[in-house]
Amino acid sequence: MAMTHAASGELIDVRPLGPALRQARSSTLVRADHLEVFRFVLIAGTAAPDHKASGALTLQCLEGAVELDAHGRTQILRAGDMVYLADAEPHAVRALEDASLLVTVLLRRA
């Protein structure tokens, strides 16, 4: 079954998941030629090891708390915090609490 993504002009709910967070899965909300937006769900104690995106990105913490390793330092993002990372900046994310992030990537595609 193909995953559906929001169409241009369609409303997308990105409110915190609250009690449903632990059962939620990461999901792509928007996929276009040079843009991808997804909700990234991490359960406390899990991590996305060091990696790079194919483009500039923002990480916005919607709920919970995560540790972000980037630019040679570690920062904690909590609900309401957002960070910008330049194209292909290596980074890693670890969930300190159950968390969901809104990730927006401006894709660099050939």
PDB file of N, CA and C in Angstrom:
ATOM      1  N   MET A   1       0.842  -1.177   0.000  1.00  0.00           N
ATOM      2  CA  MET A   1       0.000   0.000   0.000  1.00  0.00           C
ATOM      3  C   MET A   1       0.885   1.235   0.000  1.00  0.00           C
ATOM      4  N   ALA A   2       0.625   2.162  -0.878  1.00  0.00           N
ATOM      5  CA  ALA A   2       1.415   3.393  -0.977  1.00  0.00           C
ATOM      6  C   ALA A   2       1.051   4.340   0.167  1.00  0.00           C
ATOM      7  N   MET A   3       2.075   5.022   0.699  1.00  0.00           N
ATOM      8  CA  MET A   3       1.846   5.987   1.764  1.00  0.00           C
ATOM      9  C   MET A   3       1.324   7.280   1.153  1.00  0.00           C
ATOM     10  N   THR A   4       0.298   7.845   1.752  1.00  0.00           N
ATOM     11  CA  THR A   4      -0.222   9.110   1.240  1.00  0.00           C
ATOM     12  C   THR A   4       0.452  10.270   1.955  1.00  0.00           C
ATOM     13  N   HIS A   5       0.672  11.330   1.212  1.00  0.00           N
ATOM     14  CA  HIS A   5       1.270  12.544   1.747  1.00  0.00           C
ATOM     15  C   HIS A   5       0.295  13.675   1.516  1.00  0.00           C
ATOM     16  N   ALA A   6       0.451  14.737   2.273  1.00  0.00           N
ATOM     17  CA  ALA A   6      -0.451  15.880   2.129  1.00  0.00           C
ATOM     18  C   ALA A   6      -0.286  16.521   0.757  1.00  0.00           C
ATOM     19  N   ALA A   7      -1.394  16.952   0.221  1.00  0.00           N
ATOM     20  CA  ALA A   7      -1.391  17.682  -1.046  1.00  0.00           C
ATOM     21  C   ALA A   7      -1.257  19.166  -0.751  1.00  0.00           C
ATOM     22  N   SER A   8      -0.848  19.916  -1.746  1.00  0.00           N
ATOM     23  CA  SER A   8      -0.738  21.363  -1.606  1.00  0.00           C
ATOM     24  C   SER A   8      -2.074  21.926  -1.116  1.00  0.00           C
ATOM     25  N   GLY A   9      -2.037  22.718  -0.056  1.00  0.00           N
ATOM     26  CA  GLY A   9      -3.232  23.344   0.501  1.00  0.00           C
ATOM     27  C   GLY A   9      -3.952  22.524   1.553  1.00  0.00           C
ATOM     28  N   GLU A  10      -3.553  21.279   1.766  1.00  0.00           N
ATOM     29  CA  GLU A  10      -4.204  20.404   2.743  1.00  0.00           C
ATOM     30  C   GLU A  10      -3.685  20.686   4.158  1.00  0.00           C
ATOM     31  N   LEU A  11      -4.592  20.767   5.130  1.00  0.00           N
ATOM     32  CA  LEU A  11      -4.194  20.970   6.527  1.00  0.00           C
ATOM     33  C   LEU A  11      -3.511  19.712   7.057  1.00  0.00           C
ATOM     34  N   ILE A  12      -2.472  19.907   7.878  1.00  0.00           N
ATOM     35  CA  ILE A  12      -1.725  18.797   8.476  1.00  0.00           C
ATOM     36  C   ILE A  12      -1.689  19.020   9.980  1.00  0.00           C
ATOM     37  N   ASP A  13      -2.099  18.031  10.744  1.00  0.00           N
ATOM     38  CA  ASP A  13      -2.109  18.114  12.204  1.00  0.00           C
ATOM     39  C   ASP A  13      -0.723  17.747  12.745  1.00  0.00           C
ATOM     40  N   VAL A  14      -0.040  18.703  13.350  1.00  0.00           N
ATOM     41  CA  VAL A  14       1.266  18.431  13.955  1.00  0.00           C
ATOM     42  C   VAL A  14       1.244  18.692  15.456  1.00  0.00           C
ATOM     43  N   ARG A  15       0.042  18.727  16.027  1.00  0.00           N
ATOM     44  CA  ARG A  15      -0.050  18.909  17.483  1.00  0.00           C
ATOM     45  C   ARG A  15       0.609  17.735  18.194  1.00  0.00           C
ATOM     46  N   PRO A  16       1.030  17.958  19.443  1.00  0.00           N
ATOM     47  CA  PRO A  16       1.612  16.860  20.227  1.00  0.00           C
ATOM     48  C   PRO A  16       0.666  15.658  20.269  1.00  0.00           C
ATOM     49  N   LEU A  17       1.234  14.474  20.292  1.00  0.00           N
ATOM     50  CA  LEU A  17       0.453  13.242  20.298  1.00  0.00           C
ATOM     51  C   LEU A  17      -0.013  12.856  21.695  1.00  0.00           C
ATOM     52  N   GLY A  18       0.643  13.404  22.721  1.00  0.00           N
ATOM     53  CA  GLY A  18       0.245  13.129  24.099  1.00  0.00           C
ATOM     54  C   GLY A  18       0.314  11.652  24.422  1.00  0.00           C
ATOM     55  N   PRO A  19      -0.760  11.107  25.024  1.00  0.00           N
ATOM     56  CA  PRO A  19      -0.753   9.696  25.436  1.00  0.00           C
ATOM     57  C   PRO A  19      -0.564   8.712  24.281  1.00  0.00           C
ATOM     58  N   ALA A  20      -0.863   9.117  23.057  1.00  0.00           N
ATOM     59  CA  ALA A  20      -0.716   8.218  21.906  1.00  0.00           C
ATOM     60  C   ALA A  20       0.727   8.139  21.409  1.00  0.00           C
ATOM     61  N   LEU A  21       1.626   8.939  21.972  1.00  0.00           N
ATOM     62  CA  LEU A  21       3.006   9.019  21.480  1.00  0.00           C
ATOM     63  C   LEU A  21       3.714   7.667  21.479  1.00  0.00           C
ATOM     64  N   ARG A  22       3.602   6.897  22.538  1.00  0.00           N
ATOM     65  CA  ARG A  22       4.342   5.624  22.631  1.00  0.00           C
ATOM     66  C   ARG A  22       3.923   4.616  21.564  1.00  0.00           C
ATOM     67  N   GLN A  23       2.708   4.719  21.049  1.00  0.00           N
ATOM     68  CA  GLN A  23       2.236   3.793  20.018  1.00  0.00           C
ATOM     69  C   GLN A  23       2.412   4.370  18.610  1.00  0.00           C
ATOM     70  N   ALA A  24       2.814   5.622  18.508  1.00  0.00           N
ATOM     71  CA  ALA A  24       2.921   6.284  17.209  1.00  0.00           C
ATOM     72  C   ALA A  24       4.179   5.843  16.469  1.00  0.00           C
ATOM     73  N   ARG A  25       4.149   6.021  15.160  1.00  0.00           N
ATOM     74  CA  ARG A  25       5.298   5.733  14.315  1.00  0.00           C
ATOM     75  C   ARG A  25       5.701   7.010  13.595  1.00  0.00           C
ATOM     76  N   SER A  26       6.955   7.093  13.241  1.00  0.00           N
ATOM     77  CA  SER A  26       7.419   8.205  12.420  1.00  0.00           C
ATOM     78  C   SER A  26       6.677   8.154  11.089  1.00  0.00           C
ATOM     79  N   SER A  27       6.360   9.333  10.542  1.00  0.00           N
ATOM     80  CA  SER A  27       5.631   9.347   9.275  1.00  0.00           C
ATOM     81  C   SER A  27       5.987  10.575   8.451  1.00  0.00           C
ATOM     82  N   THR A  28       6.041  10.369   7.143  1.00  0.00           N
ATOM     83  CA  THR A  28       6.296  11.468   6.220  1.00  0.00           C
ATOM     84  C   THR A  28       4.980  12.192   5.970  1.00  0.00           C
ATOM     85  N   LEU A  29       4.983  13.509   6.159  1.00  0.00           N
ATOM     86  CA  LEU A  29       3.782  14.309   5.997  1.00  0.00           C
ATOM     87  C   LEU A  29       3.711  14.952   4.618  1.00  0.00           C
ATOM     88  N   VAL A  30       4.866  15.438   4.136  1.00  0.00           N
ATOM     89  CA  VAL A  30       4.942  16.092   2.828  1.00  0.00           C
ATOM     90  C   VAL A  30       6.152  15.542   2.091  1.00  0.00           C
ATOM     91  N   ARG A  31       5.944  15.209   0.827  1.00  0.00           N
ATOM     92  CA  ARG A  31       7.060  14.812  -0.019  1.00  0.00           C
ATOM     93  C   ARG A  31       6.859  15.494  -1.373  1.00  0.00           C
ATOM     94  N   ALA A  32       7.800  16.361  -1.728  1.00  0.00           N
ATOM     95  CA  ALA A  32       7.777  17.069  -3.003  1.00  0.00           C
ATOM     96  C   ALA A  32       9.179  16.994  -3.592  1.00  0.00           C
ATOM     97  N   ASP A  33       9.358  17.557  -4.781  1.00  0.00           N
ATOM     98  CA  ASP A  33      10.649  17.456  -5.458  1.00  0.00           C
ATOM     99  C   ASP A  33      11.831  17.864  -4.579  1.00  0.00           C
ATOM    100  N   HIS A  34      11.722  18.976  -3.885  1.00  0.00           N
ATOM    101  CA  HIS A  34      12.857  19.473  -3.100  1.00  0.00           C
ATOM    102  C   HIS A  34      12.521  19.730  -1.635  1.00  0.00           C
ATOM    103  N   LEU A  35      11.444  19.116  -1.164  1.00  0.00           N
ATOM    104  CA  LEU A  35      11.012  19.342   0.217  1.00  0.00           C
ATOM    105  C   LEU A  35      10.453  18.056   0.796  1.00  0.00           C
ATOM    106  N   GLU A  36      10.871  17.772   2.038  1.00  0.00           N
ATOM    107  CA  GLU A  36      10.295  16.653   2.763  1.00  0.00           C
ATOM    108  C   GLU A  36      10.058  17.107   4.196  1.00  0.00           C
ATOM    109  N   VAL A  37       8.885  16.797   4.706  1.00  0.00           N
ATOM    110  CA  VAL A  37       8.529  17.125   6.086  1.00  0.00           C
ATOM    111  C   VAL A  37       8.027  15.838   6.730  1.00  0.00           C
ATOM    112  N   PHE A  38       8.590  15.505   7.875  1.00  0.00           N
ATOM    113  CA  PHE A  38       8.110  14.306   8.558  1.00  0.00           C
ATOM    114  C   PHE A  38       8.104  14.486  10.062  1.00  0.00           C
ATOM    115  N   ARG A  39       7.225  13.708  10.695  1.00  0.00           N
ATOM    116  CA  ARG A  39       7.184  13.640  12.160  1.00  0.00           C
ATOM    117  C   ARG A  39       8.054  12.463  12.547  1.00  0.00           C
ATOM    118  N   PHE A  40       9.078  12.741  13.349  1.00  0.00           N
ATOM    119  CA  PHE A  40      10.027  11.725  13.785  1.00  0.00           C
ATOM    120  C   PHE A  40       9.726  11.404  15.238  1.00  0.00           C
ATOM    121  N   VAL A  41       9.347  10.162  15.514  1.00  0.00           N
ATOM    122  CA  VAL A  41       8.981   9.726  16.863  1.00  0.00           C
ATOM    123  C   VAL A  41      10.123   8.902  17.443  1.00  0.00           C
ATOM    124  N   LEU A  42      10.553   9.280  18.636  1.00  0.00           N
ATOM    125  CA  LEU A  42      11.605   8.546  19.346  1.00  0.00           C
ATOM    126  C   LEU A  42      11.124   8.247  20.769  1.00  0.00           C
ATOM    127  N   ILE A  43      11.235   7.012  21.169  1.00  0.00           N
ATOM    128  CA  ILE A  43      10.878   6.610  22.523  1.00  0.00           C
ATOM    129  C   ILE A  43      12.112   6.774  23.414  1.00  0.00           C
ATOM    130  N   ALA A  44      11.907   7.180  24.653  1.00  0.00           N
ATOM    131  CA  ALA A  44      13.005   7.424  25.592  1.00  0.00           C
ATOM    132  C   ALA A  44      14.033   6.304  25.520  1.00  0.00           C
ATOM    133  N   GLY A  45      15.309   6.689  25.398  1.00  0.00           N
ATOM    134  CA  GLY A  45      16.401   5.729  25.362  1.00  0.00           C
ATOM    135  C   GLY A  45      16.796   5.290  23.963  1.00  0.00           C
ATOM    136  N   THR A  46      15.983   5.626  22.952  1.00  0.00           N
ATOM    137  CA  THR A  46      16.336   5.256  21.581  1.00  0.00           C
ATOM    138  C   THR A  46      17.075   6.409  20.908  1.00  0.00           C
ATOM    139  N   ALA A  47      17.728   6.106  19.781  1.00  0.00           N
ATOM    140  CA  ALA A  47      18.553   7.124  19.124  1.00  0.00           C
ATOM    141  C   ALA A  47      18.559   6.948  17.614  1.00  0.00           C
ATOM    142  N   ALA A  48      18.872   8.038  16.954  1.00  0.00           N
ATOM    143  CA  ALA A  48      19.194   8.035  15.522  1.00  0.00           C
ATOM    144  C   ALA A  48      20.684   8.344  15.480  1.00  0.00           C
ATOM    145  N   PRO A  49      21.524   7.346  15.208  1.00  0.00           N
ATOM    146  CA  PRO A  49      22.969   7.559  15.258  1.00  0.00           C
ATOM    147  C   PRO A  49      23.442   8.590  14.240  1.00  0.00           C
ATOM    148  N   ASP A  50      24.690   8.955  14.344  1.00  0.00           N
ATOM    149  CA  ASP A  50      25.287   9.985  13.504  1.00  0.00           C
ATOM    150  C   ASP A  50      24.966   9.746  12.030  1.00  0.00           C
ATOM    151  N   HIS A  51      24.437  10.782  11.389  1.00  0.00           N
ATOM    152  CA  HIS A  51      24.092  10.710   9.970  1.00  0.00           C
ATOM    153  C   HIS A  51      24.074  12.122   9.385  1.00  0.00           C
ATOM    154  N   LYS A  52      23.866  12.213   8.061  1.00  0.00           N
ATOM    155  CA  LYS A  52      23.790  13.498   7.367  1.00  0.00           C
ATOM    156  C   LYS A  52      22.540  13.495   6.501  1.00  0.00           C
ATOM    157  N   ALA A  53      21.912  14.649   6.366  1.00  0.00           N
ATOM    158  CA  ALA A  53      20.772  14.784   5.457  1.00  0.00           C
ATOM    159  C   ALA A  53      21.271  15.295   4.116  1.00  0.00           C
ATOM    160  N   SER A  54      20.522  15.010   3.085  1.00  0.00           N
ATOM    161  CA  SER A  54      20.859  15.503   1.743  1.00  0.00           C
ATOM    162  C   SER A  54      20.225  16.868   1.525  1.00  0.00           C
ATOM    163  N   GLY A  55      20.568  17.801   2.394  1.00  0.00           N
ATOM    164  CA  GLY A  55      20.046  19.156   2.295  1.00  0.00           C
ATOM    165  C   GLY A  55      20.003  19.817   3.654  1.00  0.00           C
ATOM    166  N   ALA A  56      19.705  21.102   3.652  1.00  0.00           N
ATOM    167  CA  ALA A  56      19.542  21.846   4.903  1.00  0.00           C
ATOM    168  C   ALA A  56      18.267  21.361   5.590  1.00  0.00           C
ATOM    169  N   LEU A  57      18.247  21.435   6.920  1.00  0.00           N
ATOM    170  CA  LEU A  57      17.061  20.966   7.637  1.00  0.00           C
ATOM    171  C   LEU A  57      16.816  21.750   8.911  1.00  0.00           C
ATOM    172  N   THR A  58      15.579  21.639   9.387  1.00  0.00           N
ATOM    173  CA  THR A  58      15.240  22.128  10.718  1.00  0.00           C
ATOM    174  C   THR A  58      14.670  20.963  11.503  1.00  0.00           C
ATOM    175  N   LEU A  59      14.962  20.962  12.799  1.00  0.00           N
ATOM    176  CA  LEU A  59      14.378  20.011  13.746  1.00  0.00           C
ATOM    177  C   LEU A  59      13.603  20.846  14.757  1.00  0.00           C
ATOM    178  N   GLN A  60      12.315  20.589  14.886  1.00  0.00           N
ATOM    179  CA  GLN A  60      11.494  21.293  15.859  1.00  0.00           C
ATOM    180  C   GLN A  60      10.924  20.265  16.818  1.00  0.00           C
ATOM    181  N   CYS A  61      11.214  20.425  18.100  1.00  0.00           N
ATOM    182  CA  CYS A  61      10.708  19.495  19.103  1.00  0.00           C
ATOM    183  C   CYS A  61       9.247  19.850  19.400  1.00  0.00           C
ATOM    184  N   LEU A  62       8.345  18.911  19.136  1.00  0.00           N
ATOM    185  CA  LEU A  62       6.923  19.118  19.383  1.00  0.00           C
ATOM    186  C   LEU A  62       6.535  18.705  20.799  1.00  0.00           C
ATOM    187  N   GLU A  63       7.211  17.672  21.316  1.00  0.00           N
ATOM    188  CA  GLU A  63       6.927  17.187  22.675  1.00  0.00           C
ATOM    189  C   GLU A  63       8.075  16.320  23.149  1.00  0.00           C
ATOM    190  N   GLY A  64       8.237  16.242  24.461  1.00  0.00           N
ATOM    191  CA  GLY A  64       9.312  15.460  25.038  1.00  0.00           C
ATOM    192  C   GLY A  64      10.626  16.212  25.031  1.00  0.00           C
ATOM    193  N   ALA A  65      11.726  15.459  25.043  1.00  0.00           N
ATOM    194  CA  ALA A  65      13.062  16.067  25.059  1.00  0.00           C
ATOM    195  C   ALA A  65      14.050  15.122  24.384  1.00  0.00           C
ATOM    196  N   VAL A  66      14.945  15.718  23.588  1.00  0.00           N
ATOM    197  CA  VAL A  66      15.992  14.954  22.909  1.00  0.00           C
ATOM    198  C   VAL A  66      17.322  15.671  23.071  1.00  0.00           C
ATOM    199  N   GLU A  67      18.375  14.885  22.963  1.00  0.00           N
ATOM    200  CA  GLU A  67      19.732  15.411  22.943  1.00  0.00           C
ATOM    201  C   GLU A  67      20.198  15.414  21.495  1.00  0.00           C
ATOM    202  N   LEU A  68      20.690  16.552  21.033  1.00  0.00           N
ATOM    203  CA  LEU A  68      21.179  16.677  19.664  1.00  0.00           C
ATOM    204  C   LEU A  68      22.680  16.887  19.696  1.00  0.00           C
ATOM    205  N   ASP A  69      23.420  16.035  18.990  1.00  0.00           N
ATOM    206  CA  ASP A  69      24.857  16.210  18.808  1.00  0.00           C
ATOM    207  C   ASP A  69      25.077  16.765  17.412  1.00  0.00           C
ATOM    208  N   ALA A  70      25.623  17.965  17.319  1.00  0.00           N
ATOM    209  CA  ALA A  70      25.928  18.587  16.029  1.00  0.00           C
ATOM    210  C   ALA A  70      26.900  19.731  16.274  1.00  0.00           C
ATOM    211  N   HIS A  71      27.698  20.039  15.293  1.00  0.00           N
ATOM    212  CA  HIS A  71      28.662  21.145  15.383  1.00  0.00           C
ATOM    213  C   HIS A  71      29.599  20.998  16.582  1.00  0.00           C
ATOM    214  N   GLY A  72      29.907  19.753  16.947  1.00  0.00           N
ATOM    215  CA  GLY A  72      30.855  19.509  18.023  1.00  0.00           C
ATOM    216  C   GLY A  72      30.330  19.783  19.420  1.00  0.00           C
ATOM    217  N   ARG A  73      29.010  19.901  19.562  1.00  0.00           N
ATOM    218  CA  ARG A  73      28.450  20.123  20.902  1.00  0.00           C
ATOM    219  C   ARG A  73      27.123  19.380  21.036  1.00  0.00           C
ATOM    220  N   THR A  74      26.688  19.234  22.265  1.00  0.00           N
ATOM    221  CA  THR A  74      25.421  18.577  22.573  1.00  0.00           C
ATOM    222  C   THR A  74      24.463  19.615  23.131  1.00  0.00           C
ATOM    223  N   GLN A  75      23.250  19.629  22.592  1.00  0.00           N
ATOM    224  CA  GLN A  75      22.210  20.541  23.065  1.00  0.00           C
ATOM    225  C   GLN A  75      20.954  19.730  23.359  1.00  0.00           C
ATOM    226  N   ILE A  76      20.158  20.201  24.292  1.00  0.00           N
ATOM    227  CA  ILE A  76      18.879  19.554  24.588  1.00  0.00           C
ATOM    228  C   ILE A  76      17.770  20.380  23.964  1.00  0.00           C
ATOM    229  N   LEU A  77      16.936  19.708  23.172  1.00  0.00           N
ATOM    230  CA  LEU A  77      15.751  20.332  22.591  1.00  0.00           C
ATOM    231  C   LEU A  77      14.538  19.841  23.363  1.00  0.00           C
ATOM    232  N   ARG A  78      13.727  20.783  23.785  1.00  0.00           N
ATOM    233  CA  ARG A  78      12.469  20.483  24.473  1.00  0.00           C
ATOM    234  C   ARG A  78      11.326  21.063  23.656  1.00  0.00           C
ATOM    235  N   ALA A  79      10.115  20.724  23.998  1.00  0.00           N
ATOM    236  CA  ALA A  79       8.944  21.213  23.266  1.00  0.00           C
ATOM    237  C   ALA A  79       9.063  22.718  23.049  1.00  0.00           C
ATOM    238  N   GLY A  80       8.914  23.132  21.802  1.00  0.00           N
ATOM    239  CA  GLY A  80       9.003  24.545  21.444  1.00  0.00           C
ATOM    240  C   GLY A  80      10.365  24.975  20.938  1.00  0.00           C
ATOM    241  N   ASP A  81      11.386  24.133  21.085  1.00  0.00           N
ATOM    242  CA  ASP A  81      12.731  24.461  20.583  1.00  0.00           C
ATOM    243  C   ASP A  81      12.872  23.992  19.139  1.00  0.00           C
ATOM    244  N   MET A  82      13.641  24.760  18.369  1.00  0.00           N
ATOM    245  CA  MET A  82      13.923  24.409  16.983  1.00  0.00           C
ATOM    246  C   MET A  82      15.379  24.722  16.690  1.00  0.00           C
ATOM    247  N   VAL A  83      15.981  23.924  15.819  1.00  0.00           N
ATOM    248  CA  VAL A  83      17.369  24.147  15.422  1.00  0.00           C
ATOM    249  C   VAL A  83      17.476  23.967  13.908  1.00  0.00           C
ATOM    250  N   TYR A  84      18.362  24.752  13.314  1.00  0.00           N
ATOM    251  CA  TYR A  84      18.667  24.661  11.878  1.00  0.00           C
ATOM    252  C   TYR A  84      20.026  23.995  11.724  1.00  0.00           C
ATOM    253  N   LEU A  85      20.129  23.070  10.772  1.00  0.00           N
ATOM    254  CA  LEU A  85      21.406  22.443  10.448  1.00  0.00           C
ATOM    255  C   LEU A  85      21.676  22.633   8.959  1.00  0.00           C
ATOM    256  N   ALA A  86      22.868  23.066   8.642  1.00  0.00           N
ATOM    257  CA  ALA A  86      23.264  23.295   7.251  1.00  0.00           C
ATOM    258  C   ALA A  86      23.297  21.983   6.474  1.00  0.00           C
ATOM    259  N   ASP A  87      23.304  22.101   5.168  1.00  0.00           N
ATOM    260  CA  ASP A  87      23.344  20.966   4.258  1.00  0.00           C
ATOM    261  C   ASP A  87      24.442  19.978   4.654  1.00  0.00           C
ATOM    262  N   ALA A  88      24.066  18.719   4.835  1.00  0.00           N
ATOM    263  CA  ALA A  88      24.978  17.607   5.119  1.00  0.00           C
ATOM    264  C   ALA A  88      25.722  17.727   6.449  1.00  0.00           C
ATOM    265  N   GLU A  89      25.215  18.525   7.385  1.00  0.00           N
ATOM    266  CA  GLU A  89      25.851  18.635   8.711  1.00  0.00           C
ATOM    267  C   GLU A  89      25.634  17.321   9.469  1.00  0.00           C
ATOM    268  N   PRO A  90      26.714  16.646   9.884  1.00  0.00           N
ATOM    269  CA  PRO A  90      26.556  15.410  10.657  1.00  0.00           C
ATOM    270  C   PRO A  90      25.846  15.701  11.988  1.00  0.00           C
ATOM    271  N   HIS A  91      24.935  14.815  12.354  1.00  0.00           N
ATOM    272  CA  HIS A  91      24.217  14.990  13.615  1.00  0.00           C
ATOM    273  C   HIS A  91      23.671  13.649  14.105  1.00  0.00           C
ATOM    274  N   ALA A  92      23.399  13.593  15.396  1.00  0.00           N
ATOM    275  CA  ALA A  92      22.785  12.424  16.027  1.00  0.00           C
ATOM    276  C   ALA A  92      21.750  12.933  17.019  1.00  0.00           C
ATOM    277  N   VAL A  93      20.701  12.136  17.231  1.00  0.00           N
ATOM    278  CA  VAL A  93      19.618  12.514  18.139  1.00  0.00           C
ATOM    279  C   VAL A  93      19.348  11.347  19.078  1.00  0.00           C
ATOM    280  N   ARG A  94      19.226  11.642  20.379  1.00  0.00           N
ATOM    281  CA  ARG A  94      18.891  10.640  21.388  1.00  0.00           C
ATOM    282  C   ARG A  94      17.706  11.137  22.201  1.00  0.00           C
ATOM    283  N   ALA A  95      16.727  10.278  22.407  1.00  0.00           N
ATOM    284  CA  ALA A  95      15.539  10.659  23.168  1.00  0.00           C
ATOM    285  C   ALA A  95      15.804  10.547  24.665  1.00  0.00           C
ATOM    286  N   LEU A  96      15.694  11.661  25.367  1.00  0.00           N
ATOM    287  CA  LEU A  96      15.794  11.672  26.830  1.00  0.00           C
ATOM    288  C   LEU A  96      14.441  11.317  27.443  1.00  0.00           C
ATOM    289  N   GLU A  97      13.379  11.670  26.719  1.00  0.00           N
ATOM    290  CA  GLU A  97      11.995  11.346  27.069  1.00  0.00           C
ATOM    291  C   GLU A  97      11.330  10.899  25.771  1.00  0.00           C
ATOM    292  N   ASP A  98      10.164  10.285  25.869  1.00  0.00           N
ATOM    293  CA  ASP A  98       9.397  10.018  24.659  1.00  0.00           C
ATOM    294  C   ASP A  98       9.223  11.359  23.962  1.00  0.00           C
ATOM    295  N   ALA A  99       9.482  11.403  22.661  1.00  0.00           N
ATOM    296  CA  ALA A  99       9.494  12.686  21.963  1.00  0.00           C
ATOM    297  C   ALA A  99       9.013  12.554  20.530  1.00  0.00           C
ATOM    298  N   SER A 100       8.506  13.673  20.002  1.00  0.00           N
ATOM    299  CA  SER A 100       8.246  13.751  18.562  1.00  0.00           C
ATOM    300  C   SER A 100       8.827  15.062  18.054  1.00  0.00           C
ATOM    301  N   LEU A 101       9.428  14.967  16.876  1.00  0.00           N
ATOM    302  CA  LEU A 101      10.083  16.110  16.235  1.00  0.00           C
ATOM    303  C   LEU A 101       9.454  16.332  14.874  1.00  0.00           C
ATOM    304  N   LEU A 102       9.327  17.578  14.493  1.00  0.00           N
ATOM    305  CA  LEU A 102       8.921  17.922  13.137  1.00  0.00           C
ATOM    306  C   LEU A 102      10.203  18.249  12.387  1.00  0.00           C
ATOM    307  N   VAL A 103      10.512  17.446  11.379  1.00  0.00           N
ATOM    308  CA  VAL A 103      11.744  17.595  10.618  1.00  0.00           C
ATOM    309  C   VAL A 103      11.387  18.089   9.220  1.00  0.00           C
ATOM    310  N   THR A 104      12.012  19.188   8.820  1.00  0.00           N
ATOM    311  CA  THR A 104      11.804  19.754   7.487  1.00  0.00           C
ATOM    312  C   THR A 104      13.146  19.762   6.774  1.00  0.00           C
ATOM    313  N   VAL A 105      13.195  19.147   5.593  1.00  0.00           N
ATOM    314  CA  VAL A 105      14.436  19.043   4.843  1.00  0.00           C
ATOM    315  C   VAL A 105      14.255  19.702   3.469  1.00  0.00           C
ATOM    316  N   LEU A 106      15.128  20.650   3.175  1.00  0.00           N
ATOM    317  CA  LEU A 106      15.187  21.224   1.842  1.00  0.00           C
ATOM    318  C   LEU A 106      16.166  20.362   1.068  1.00  0.00           C
ATOM    319  N   LEU A 107      15.636  19.453   0.261  1.00  0.00           N
ATOM    320  CA  LEU A 107      16.444  18.419  -0.378  1.00  0.00           C
ATOM    321  C   LEU A 107      17.328  18.950  -1.486  1.00  0.00           C
ATOM    322  N   ARG A 108      18.522  18.410  -1.522  1.00  0.00           N
ATOM    323  CA  ARG A 108      19.477  18.705  -2.587  1.00  0.00           C
ATOM    324  C   ARG A 108      19.468  17.488  -3.499  1.00  0.00           C
ATOM    325  N   ARG A 109      18.727  17.577  -4.574  1.00  0.00           N
ATOM    326  CA  ARG A 109      18.635  16.461  -5.510  1.00  0.00           C
ATOM    327  C   ARG A 109      19.151  16.887  -6.870  1.00  0.00           C
ATOM    328  N   ALA A 110      19.753  15.961  -7.566  1.00  0.00           N
ATOM    329  CA  ALA A 110      20.292  16.243  -8.906  1.00  0.00           C
ATOM    330  C   ALA A 110      19.184  16.375  -9.919  1.00  0.00           C
TER     331      ALA A 110
END
